[in-house]
C-alpha atoms as a PDB file:
ATOM      1  CA  MET A   1      85.741 118.731  93.306  1.00  0.00           C
ATOM      2  CA  LYS A   2      83.486 115.725  92.718  1.00  0.00           C
ATOM      3  CA  ILE A   3      84.567 112.517  94.428  1.00  0.00           C
ATOM      4  CA  VAL A   4      82.721 109.241  93.939  1.00  0.00           C
ATOM      5  CA  SER A   5      83.046 105.983  95.855  1.00  0.00           C
ATOM      6  CA  ILE A   6      81.539 102.587  95.081  1.00  0.00           C
ATOM      7  CA  ASN A   7      82.042  98.976  96.056  1.00  0.00           C
ATOM      8  CA  ILE A   8      81.780  97.643  92.512  1.00  0.00           C
ATOM      9  CA  ASN A   9      81.567  93.956  93.565  1.00  0.00           C
ATOM     10  CA  GLY A  10      83.649  92.887  90.580  1.00  0.00           C
ATOM     11  CA  ILE A  11      84.907  95.529  88.155  1.00  0.00           C
ATOM     12  CA  ARG A  12      84.451  93.225  85.166  1.00  0.00           C
ATOM     13  CA  ALA A  13      80.837  92.578  86.168  1.00  0.00           C
ATOM     14  CA  GLY A  14      80.373  96.321  86.634  1.00  0.00           C
ATOM     15  CA  GLU A  15      81.745  96.961  83.151  1.00  0.00           C
ATOM     16  CA  ARG A  16      79.176  94.577  81.666  1.00  0.00           C
ATOM     17  CA  LYS A  17      76.436  96.502  83.480  1.00  0.00           C
ATOM     18  CA  GLY A  18      77.483  99.828  81.921  1.00  0.00           C
ATOM     19  CA  PHE A  19      79.538 101.209  84.796  1.00  0.00           C
ATOM     20  CA  PHE A  20      82.225 102.782  82.615  1.00  0.00           C
ATOM     21  CA  ASN A  21      79.663 104.461  80.371  1.00  0.00           C
ATOM     22  CA  TRP A  22      78.214 106.060  83.495  1.00  0.00           C
ATOM     23  CA  VAL A  23      81.695 107.105  84.659  1.00  0.00           C
ATOM     24  CA  GLN A  24      82.204 109.099  81.467  1.00  0.00           C
ATOM     25  CA  GLN A  25      78.830 110.833  81.902  1.00  0.00           C
ATOM     26  CA  LEU A  26      79.460 111.515  85.581  1.00  0.00           C
ATOM     27  CA  ASP A  27      82.709 113.404  85.011  1.00  0.00           C
ATOM     28  CA  ALA A  28      84.083 112.892  88.527  1.00  0.00           C
ATOM     29  CA  ASP A  29      87.452 114.313  89.544  1.00  0.00           C
ATOM     30  CA  VAL A  30      88.329 111.243  91.599  1.00  0.00           C
ATOM     31  CA  LEU A  31      86.721 107.806  91.595  1.00  0.00           C
ATOM     32  CA  CYS A  32      87.409 105.334  94.416  1.00  0.00           C
ATOM     33  CA  LEU A  33      86.561 101.662  93.885  1.00  0.00           C
ATOM     34  CA  GLN A  34      86.431  98.732  96.270  1.00  0.00           C
ATOM     35  CA  GLU A  35      86.115  94.981  95.739  1.00  0.00           C
ATOM     36  CA  ILE A  36      87.406  95.045  92.172  1.00  0.00           C
ATOM     37  CA  LYS A  37      87.911  91.242  92.251  1.00  0.00           C
ATOM     38  CA  ALA A  38      90.511  91.262  89.463  1.00  0.00           C
ATOM     39  CA  GLN A  39      94.250  91.277  88.824  1.00  0.00           C
ATOM     40  CA  GLU A  40      95.727  93.916  86.537  1.00  0.00           C
ATOM     41  CA  ASP A  41      96.604  91.301  83.899  1.00  0.00           C
ATOM     42  CA  GLN A  42      92.874  90.537  83.698  1.00  0.00           C
ATOM     43  CA  LEU A  43      92.111  94.196  82.951  1.00  0.00           C
ATOM     44  CA  THR A  44      93.884  94.608  79.636  1.00  0.00           C
ATOM     45  CA  ALA A  45      90.929  96.097  77.735  1.00  0.00           C
ATOM     46  CA  ASP A  46      91.054  99.874  77.229  1.00  0.00           C
ATOM     47  CA  THR A  47      87.707 100.127  79.025  1.00  0.00           C
ATOM     48  CA  PHE A  48      89.405  99.550  82.378  1.00  0.00           C
ATOM     49  CA  TRP A  49      91.908 102.352  81.737  1.00  0.00           C
ATOM     50  CA  PRO A  50      89.787 105.369  80.707  1.00  0.00           C
ATOM     51  CA  ALA A  51      91.909 107.770  78.674  1.00  0.00           C
ATOM     52  CA  ASN A  52      90.797 110.820  80.655  1.00  0.00           C
ATOM     53  CA  TYR A  53      91.853 109.296  83.984  1.00  0.00           C
ATOM     54  CA  HIS A  54      95.040 108.226  85.677  1.00  0.00           C
ATOM     55  CA  CYS A  55      94.207 104.713  86.893  1.00  0.00           C
ATOM     56  CA  PHE A  56      95.778 102.895  89.827  1.00  0.00           C
ATOM     57  CA  TYR A  57      94.851  99.391  90.966  1.00  0.00           C
ATOM     58  CA  HIS A  58      95.795  97.567  94.157  1.00  0.00           C
ATOM     59  CA  PRO A  59      94.411  94.034  93.781  1.00  0.00           C
ATOM     60  CA  ALA A  60      94.415  91.310  96.402  1.00  0.00           C
ATOM     61  CA  GLU A  61      96.965  88.523  96.078  1.00  0.00           C
ATOM     62  CA  LYS A  62      94.076  86.045  95.923  1.00  0.00           C
ATOM     63  CA  LYS A  63      92.468  86.064  92.503  1.00  0.00           C
ATOM     64  CA  GLY A  64      88.836  87.136  92.252  1.00  0.00           C
ATOM     65  CA  TYR A  65      88.860  88.680  95.728  1.00  0.00           C
ATOM     66  CA  SER A  66      88.758  92.136  97.282  1.00  0.00           C
ATOM     67  CA  GLY A  67      91.062  94.817  95.822  1.00  0.00           C
ATOM     68  CA  VAL A  68      90.780  98.601  95.518  1.00  0.00           C
ATOM     69  CA  ALA A  69      91.464 101.255  92.902  1.00  0.00           C
ATOM     70  CA  ILE A  70      91.621 105.017  92.347  1.00  0.00           C
ATOM     71  CA  PHE A  71      90.971 106.875  89.089  1.00  0.00           C
ATOM     72  CA  SER A  72      91.803 110.578  88.984  1.00  0.00           C
ATOM     73  CA  LYS A  73      91.685 113.281  86.320  1.00  0.00           C
ATOM     74  CA  GLN A  74      94.669 115.058  87.814  1.00  0.00           C
ATOM     75  CA  LYS A  75      97.901 113.080  87.942  1.00  0.00           C
ATOM     76  CA  PRO A  76      98.700 112.405  91.621  1.00  0.00           C
ATOM     77  CA  ASP A  77     101.995 113.517  93.087  1.00  0.00           C
ATOM     78  CA  ASN A  78     102.337 109.943  94.317  1.00  0.00           C
ATOM     79  CA  VAL A  79     100.263 106.855  95.066  1.00  0.00           C
ATOM     80  CA  THR A  80     100.676 104.587  98.080  1.00  0.00           C
ATOM     81  CA  LYS A  81      99.392 101.029  97.906  1.00  0.00           C
ATOM     82  CA  GLY A  82      98.711  99.472 101.294  1.00  0.00           C
ATOM     83  CA  ILE A  83      99.267 100.632 104.853  1.00  0.00           C
ATOM     84  CA  GLY A  84     102.220  98.385 105.696  1.00  0.00           C
ATOM     85  CA  TRP A  85     100.381  95.510 107.361  1.00  0.00           C
ATOM     86  CA  GLU A  86     101.011  92.239 105.538  1.00  0.00           C
ATOM     87  CA  ASP A  87      97.640  90.634 106.300  1.00  0.00           C
ATOM     88  CA  PHE A  88      95.660  93.755 105.343  1.00  0.00           C
ATOM     89  CA  ASP A  89      97.724  94.654 102.284  1.00  0.00           C
ATOM     90  CA  ALA A  90      97.687  91.099 100.898  1.00  0.00           C
ATOM     91  CA  GLU A  91      93.912  91.483 100.602  1.00  0.00           C
ATOM     92  CA  GLY A  92      94.264  94.753  98.632  1.00  0.00           C
ATOM     93  CA  ARG A  93      92.286  96.933 101.013  1.00  0.00           C
ATOM     94  CA  PHE A  94      93.884 100.406 100.885  1.00  0.00           C
ATOM     95  CA  ILE A  95      95.270 102.811  98.292  1.00  0.00           C
ATOM     96  CA  GLU A  96      95.993 106.537  98.688  1.00  0.00           C
ATOM     97  CA  ALA A  97      96.666 109.267  96.131  1.00  0.00           C
ATOM     98  CA  ALA A  98      98.332 112.579  97.011  1.00  0.00           C
ATOM     99  CA  PHE A  99      97.379 115.843  95.309  1.00  0.00           C
ATOM    100  CA  GLY A 100      99.351 118.644  96.920  1.00  0.00           C
ATOM    101  CA  ASN A 101      97.996 118.945 100.463  1.00  0.00           C
ATOM    102  CA  LEU A 102      95.026 116.663  99.709  1.00  0.00           C
ATOM    103  CA  ARG A 103      95.049 112.896 100.249  1.00  0.00           C
ATOM    104  CA  VAL A 104      92.264 110.779  98.758  1.00  0.00           C
ATOM    105  CA  SER A 105      92.082 107.115  99.759  1.00  0.00           C
ATOM    106  CA  SER A 106      90.029 104.078  98.841  1.00  0.00           C
ATOM    107  CA  ILE A 107      89.536 101.623 101.704  1.00  0.00           C
ATOM    108  CA  TYR A 108      87.714  98.323 101.927  1.00  0.00           C
ATOM    109  CA  MET A 109      87.192  97.133 105.482  1.00  0.00           C
ATOM    110  CA  PRO A 110      86.423  93.430 105.833  1.00  0.00           C
ATOM    111  CA  SER A 111      83.052  91.992 106.662  1.00  0.00           C
ATOM    112  CA  GLY A 112      82.805  89.748 109.674  1.00  0.00           C
ATOM    113  CA  SER A 113      79.605  88.042 108.603  1.00  0.00           C
ATOM    114  CA  SER A 114      81.077  84.844 107.126  1.00  0.00           C
ATOM    115  CA  LYS A 115      82.680  83.423 110.272  1.00  0.00           C
ATOM    116  CA  GLU A 116      83.953  84.372 113.725  1.00  0.00           C
ATOM    117  CA  SER A 117      87.587  84.529 112.629  1.00  0.00           C
ATOM    118  CA  ARG A 118      86.771  87.232 110.093  1.00  0.00           C
ATOM    119  CA  GLN A 119      84.936  89.287 112.718  1.00  0.00           C
ATOM    120  CA  ALA A 120      87.999  88.935 114.943  1.00  0.00           C
ATOM    121  CA  PHE A 121      90.151  90.131 112.036  1.00  0.00           C
ATOM    122  CA  LYS A 122      87.816  93.083 111.551  1.00  0.00           C
ATOM    123  CA  TYR A 123      88.059  94.067 115.223  1.00  0.00           C
ATOM    124  CA  ASP A 124      91.855  93.723 115.096  1.00  0.00           C
ATOM    125  CA  LEU A 125      92.015  96.004 112.056  1.00  0.00           C
ATOM    126  CA  MET A 126      89.737  98.547 113.718  1.00  0.00           C
ATOM    127  CA  ASP A 127      92.128  98.621 116.689  1.00  0.00           C
ATOM    128  CA  ARG A 128      95.138  99.053 114.417  1.00  0.00           C
ATOM    129  CA  LEU A 129      93.491 101.595 112.147  1.00  0.00           C
ATOM    130  CA  MET A 130      92.449 104.083 114.811  1.00  0.00           C
ATOM    131  CA  PRO A 131      96.022 105.219 115.647  1.00  0.00           C
ATOM    132  CA  VAL A 132      96.694 105.627 111.905  1.00  0.00           C
ATOM    133  CA  LEU A 133      93.607 107.810 111.604  1.00  0.00           C
ATOM    134  CA  GLN A 134      94.643 109.791 114.660  1.00  0.00           C
ATOM    135  CA  GLU A 135      98.011 110.524 113.047  1.00  0.00           C
ATOM    136  CA  LYS A 136      96.378 111.543 109.773  1.00  0.00           C
ATOM    137  CA  GLN A 137      94.095 113.922 111.648  1.00  0.00           C
ATOM    138  CA  LYS A 138      97.164 115.665 113.080  1.00  0.00           C
ATOM    139  CA  ASP A 139      99.460 115.734 110.040  1.00  0.00           C
ATOM    140  CA  GLY A 140      98.151 119.019 108.612  1.00  0.00           C
ATOM    141  CA  LYS A 141      96.963 117.404 105.374  1.00  0.00           C
ATOM    142  CA  GLN A 142      93.414 117.255 104.054  1.00  0.00           C
ATOM    143  CA  HIS A 143      92.133 113.673 104.020  1.00  0.00           C
ATOM    144  CA  ILE A 144      89.162 112.066 102.266  1.00  0.00           C
ATOM    145  CA  ILE A 145      88.981 108.332 102.959  1.00  0.00           C
ATOM    146  CA  CYS A 146      86.357 106.776 100.710  1.00  0.00           C
ATOM    147  CA  GLY A 147      85.107 103.272 100.916  1.00  0.00           C
ATOM    148  CA  ASP A 148      83.090 100.384 102.163  1.00  0.00           C
ATOM    149  CA  TRP A 149      83.623 100.465 105.914  1.00  0.00           C
ATOM    150  CA  ASN A 150      81.160  97.586 106.462  1.00  0.00           C
ATOM    151  CA  ILE A 151      79.527  99.272 109.474  1.00  0.00           C
ATOM    152  CA  ALA A 152      76.149 101.008 109.642  1.00  0.00           C
ATOM    153  CA  HIS A 153      76.557 103.768 112.198  1.00  0.00           C
ATOM    154  CA  LYS A 154      73.118 104.621 113.584  1.00  0.00           C
ATOM    155  CA  LYS A 155      69.545 103.395 113.447  1.00  0.00           C
ATOM    156  CA  ILE A 156      68.848 105.891 110.655  1.00  0.00           C
ATOM    157  CA  ASP A 157      71.496 104.102 108.573  1.00  0.00           C
ATOM    158  CA  ILE A 158      69.845 100.676 108.455  1.00  0.00           C
ATOM    159  CA  LYS A 159      66.285  99.665 107.653  1.00  0.00           C
ATOM    160  CA  ASN A 160      65.950  96.656 109.971  1.00  0.00           C
ATOM    161  CA  TRP A 161      67.995  97.909 112.908  1.00  0.00           C
ATOM    162  CA  ARG A 162      66.154  95.886 115.524  1.00  0.00           C
ATOM    163  CA  GLY A 163      66.814  92.591 113.788  1.00  0.00           C
ATOM    164  CA  ASN A 164      70.483  93.308 113.072  1.00  0.00           C
ATOM    165  CA  GLN A 165      71.823  94.349 116.466  1.00  0.00           C
ATOM    166  CA  LYS A 166      73.644  91.033 116.855  1.00  0.00           C
ATOM    167  CA  ASN A 167      74.889  90.877 113.271  1.00  0.00           C
ATOM    168  CA  SER A 168      78.259  91.940 111.902  1.00  0.00           C
ATOM    169  CA  GLY A 169      78.068  95.459 110.548  1.00  0.00           C
ATOM    170  CA  PHE A 170      75.738  96.722 113.269  1.00  0.00           C
ATOM    171  CA  LEU A 171      77.308  95.335 116.431  1.00  0.00           C
ATOM    172  CA  PRO A 172      77.577  97.679 119.433  1.00  0.00           C
ATOM    173  CA  GLU A 173      81.387  97.557 119.357  1.00  0.00           C
ATOM    174  CA  GLU A 174      81.473  98.512 115.676  1.00  0.00           C
ATOM    175  CA  ARG A 175      79.036 101.367 116.107  1.00  0.00           C
ATOM    176  CA  ALA A 176      80.931 102.641 119.166  1.00  0.00           C
ATOM    177  CA  TRP A 177      84.106 102.705 117.049  1.00  0.00           C
ATOM    178  CA  LEU A 178      82.363 105.005 114.566  1.00  0.00           C
ATOM    179  CA  ASP A 179      81.024 107.071 117.479  1.00  0.00           C
ATOM    180  CA  ASP A 180      84.639 107.695 118.483  1.00  0.00           C
ATOM    181  CA  LEU A 181      85.776 108.311 114.909  1.00  0.00           C
ATOM    182  CA  PHE A 182      83.073 110.894 114.220  1.00  0.00           C
ATOM    183  CA  GLY A 183      83.123 112.192 117.780  1.00  0.00           C
ATOM    184  CA  LYS A 184      86.229 112.711 119.854  1.00  0.00           C
ATOM    185  CA  GLU A 185      88.605 111.930 116.968  1.00  0.00           C
ATOM    186  CA  GLY A 186      87.130 114.770 114.906  1.00  0.00           C
ATOM    187  CA  TRP A 187      86.556 112.987 111.591  1.00  0.00           C
ATOM    188  CA  GLY A 188      83.450 113.788 109.576  1.00  0.00           C
ATOM    189  CA  ASP A 189      80.872 111.630 107.793  1.00  0.00           C
ATOM    190  CA  ALA A 190      80.643 113.780 104.656  1.00  0.00           C
ATOM    191  CA  PHE A 191      77.198 112.501 103.676  1.00  0.00           C
ATOM    192  CA  ARG A 192      75.595 113.171 107.059  1.00  0.00           C
ATOM    193  CA  LEU A 193      77.104 116.655 107.262  1.00  0.00           C
ATOM    194  CA  VAL A 194      74.701 117.746 104.526  1.00  0.00           C
ATOM    195  CA  ASN A 195      72.013 115.039 104.368  1.00  0.00           C
ATOM    196  CA  GLN A 196      70.043 113.942 107.434  1.00  0.00           C
ATOM    197  CA  GLU A 197      67.300 112.087 105.562  1.00  0.00           C
ATOM    198  CA  ALA A 198      66.259 108.599 106.626  1.00  0.00           C
ATOM    199  CA  GLU A 199      66.357 105.522 104.382  1.00  0.00           C
ATOM    200  CA  GLN A 200      69.485 106.661 102.562  1.00  0.00           C
ATOM    201  CA  TYR A 201      71.284 103.379 101.966  1.00  0.00           C
ATOM    202  CA  THR A 202      74.281 102.245  99.912  1.00  0.00           C
ATOM    203  CA  TRP A 203      74.009  98.444 100.111  1.00  0.00           C
ATOM    204  CA  TRP A 204      71.180  95.944  99.725  1.00  0.00           C
ATOM    205  CA  SER A 205      71.359  92.201 100.192  1.00  0.00           C
ATOM    206  CA  ASN A 206      70.766  90.118  97.086  1.00  0.00           C
ATOM    207  CA  ARG A 207      68.439  87.941  99.155  1.00  0.00           C
ATOM    208  CA  GLY A 208      64.700  88.375  99.065  1.00  0.00           C
ATOM    209  CA  GLN A 209      63.332  91.708  97.887  1.00  0.00           C
ATOM    210  CA  ALA A 210      65.830  93.937  99.696  1.00  0.00           C
ATOM    211  CA  TRP A 211      66.387  96.294  96.764  1.00  0.00           C
ATOM    212  CA  ALA A 212      62.713  96.475  95.806  1.00  0.00           C
ATOM    213  CA  ASN A 213      61.720  97.192  99.412  1.00  0.00           C
ATOM    214  CA  ASN A 214      64.709  99.451 100.107  1.00  0.00           C
ATOM    215  CA  THR A 215      65.752  97.204 102.986  1.00  0.00           C
ATOM    216  CA  GLY A 216      69.276  98.556 102.973  1.00  0.00           C
ATOM    217  CA  TRP A 217      72.318  99.552 104.952  1.00  0.00           C
ATOM    218  CA  ARG A 218      74.456 102.700 104.695  1.00  0.00           C
ATOM    219  CA  ILE A 219      77.931 101.202 105.051  1.00  0.00           C
ATOM    220  CA  ASP A 220      79.822 103.246 102.439  1.00  0.00           C
ATOM    221  CA  TYR A 221      81.303 106.538 103.595  1.00  0.00           C
ATOM    222  CA  GLN A 222      83.539 109.394 102.632  1.00  0.00           C
ATOM    223  CA  VAL A 223      85.315 110.024 105.916  1.00  0.00           C
ATOM    224  CA  ILE A 224      86.917 113.460 105.998  1.00  0.00           C
ATOM    225  CA  SER A 225      89.440 115.148 108.255  1.00  0.00           C
ATOM    226  CA  GLU A 226      88.210 117.958 110.469  1.00  0.00           C
ATOM    227  CA  ASN A 227      89.815 120.615 108.264  1.00  0.00           C
ATOM    228  CA  LEU A 228      87.463 119.644 105.400  1.00  0.00           C
ATOM    229  CA  LYS A 229      84.142 119.659 107.259  1.00  0.00           C
ATOM    230  CA  ASN A 230      83.157 123.069 105.930  1.00  0.00           C
ATOM    231  CA  THR A 231      83.905 122.140 102.302  1.00  0.00           C
ATOM    232  CA  VAL A 232      81.090 119.610 101.696  1.00  0.00           C
ATOM    233  CA  ALA A 233      78.708 121.197  99.185  1.00  0.00           C
ATOM    234  CA  ASN A 234      76.313 118.295  98.615  1.00  0.00           C
ATOM    235  CA  ALA A 235      76.130 114.522  98.800  1.00  0.00           C
ATOM    236  CA  SER A 236      73.910 111.945  97.130  1.00  0.00           C
ATOM    237  CA  ILE A 237      73.505 108.232  96.505  1.00  0.00           C
ATOM    238  CA  TYR A 238      72.999 107.247  92.866  1.00  0.00           C
ATOM    239  CA  LYS A 239      70.237 104.671  92.388  1.00  0.00           C
ATOM    240  CA  ASP A 240      69.007 105.228  88.821  1.00  0.00           C
ATOM    241  CA  GLU A 241      71.156 102.359  87.558  1.00  0.00           C
ATOM    242  CA  ARG A 242      72.562  99.304  89.322  1.00  0.00           C
ATOM    243  CA  PHE A 243      76.182  98.361  88.752  1.00  0.00           C
ATOM    244  CA  SER A 244      76.620  96.372  91.979  1.00  0.00           C
ATOM    245  CA  ASP A 245      74.858  95.425  95.203  1.00  0.00           C
ATOM    246  CA  HIS A 246      76.220  98.790  96.414  1.00  0.00           C
ATOM    247  CA  ALA A 247      75.267 102.222  95.068  1.00  0.00           C
ATOM    248  CA  PRO A 248      77.737 104.995  94.222  1.00  0.00           C
ATOM    249  CA  LEU A 249      78.210 107.689  96.856  1.00  0.00           C
ATOM    250  CA  ILE A 250      78.769 111.098  95.242  1.00  0.00           C
ATOM    251  CA  VAL A 251      80.117 114.067  97.201  1.00  0.00           C
ATOM    252  CA  ASP A 252      80.922 117.526  95.874  1.00  0.00           C
ATOM    253  CA  TYR A 253      83.527 119.515  97.790  1.00  0.00           C
ATOM    254  CA  ASP A 254      84.418 123.184  97.610  1.00  0.00           C
ATOM    255  CA  ILE A 255      88.047 122.297  97.054  1.00  0.00           C
ATOM    256  CA  PRO A 256      89.859 123.860  94.077  1.00  0.00           C
ATOM    257  CA  THR A 257      91.058 121.414  91.427  1.00  0.00           C
ATOM    258  CA  ALA A 258      94.341 121.861  89.590  1.00  0.00           C
END
């Protein structure tokens, strides 16, 4: 099963850059998108509803902001939009599709870089999310939670780690939260389970020459429940084309498809 995740930074902008042509060539089983920045009534063109996929959007209430989506070849048993928190769900930050015992989610955690109140919101969501993740780990289902988590975990995951230790996305509290998630809570970072190479990034600032110099951050993950850790076959970051300031994260799992 091939699962792909990307923060598209505007699905309409991504379409103009050839994203949907690439999707057809890629032939993924499930595609998880974040930051679609569009309402469904703005996505009337057939392009945004590929015929070979079942497409589900969960936009933010605010136009041109946030939002997530899932495309899947197999029709899900059901799709859940949101977690049940009004502030989080109003920003369109979570959608989950169920396929038998497997749950695939697209999540978009907020950035705290714009102002202190947004960092406080991010910390609050991290506190609220951990018990949800603990319950999912225990529910007997297989979980793959794809998305832009807006945290670089370790020094290997960020080019300029020294200069970013006081910046949102690489703060000690954020990194410690991922330590717990991938440590005592038993979740897996699918990419790092099979790829330990340095300078493997998924996001580059549009400022300066970040892309050209590969001055990036790895902030996009496929977070998997403990019962899936032995199913990761390979993982890669696609950089041959640019559809966004993020790159697609591609993971192949030894999970049978229907």
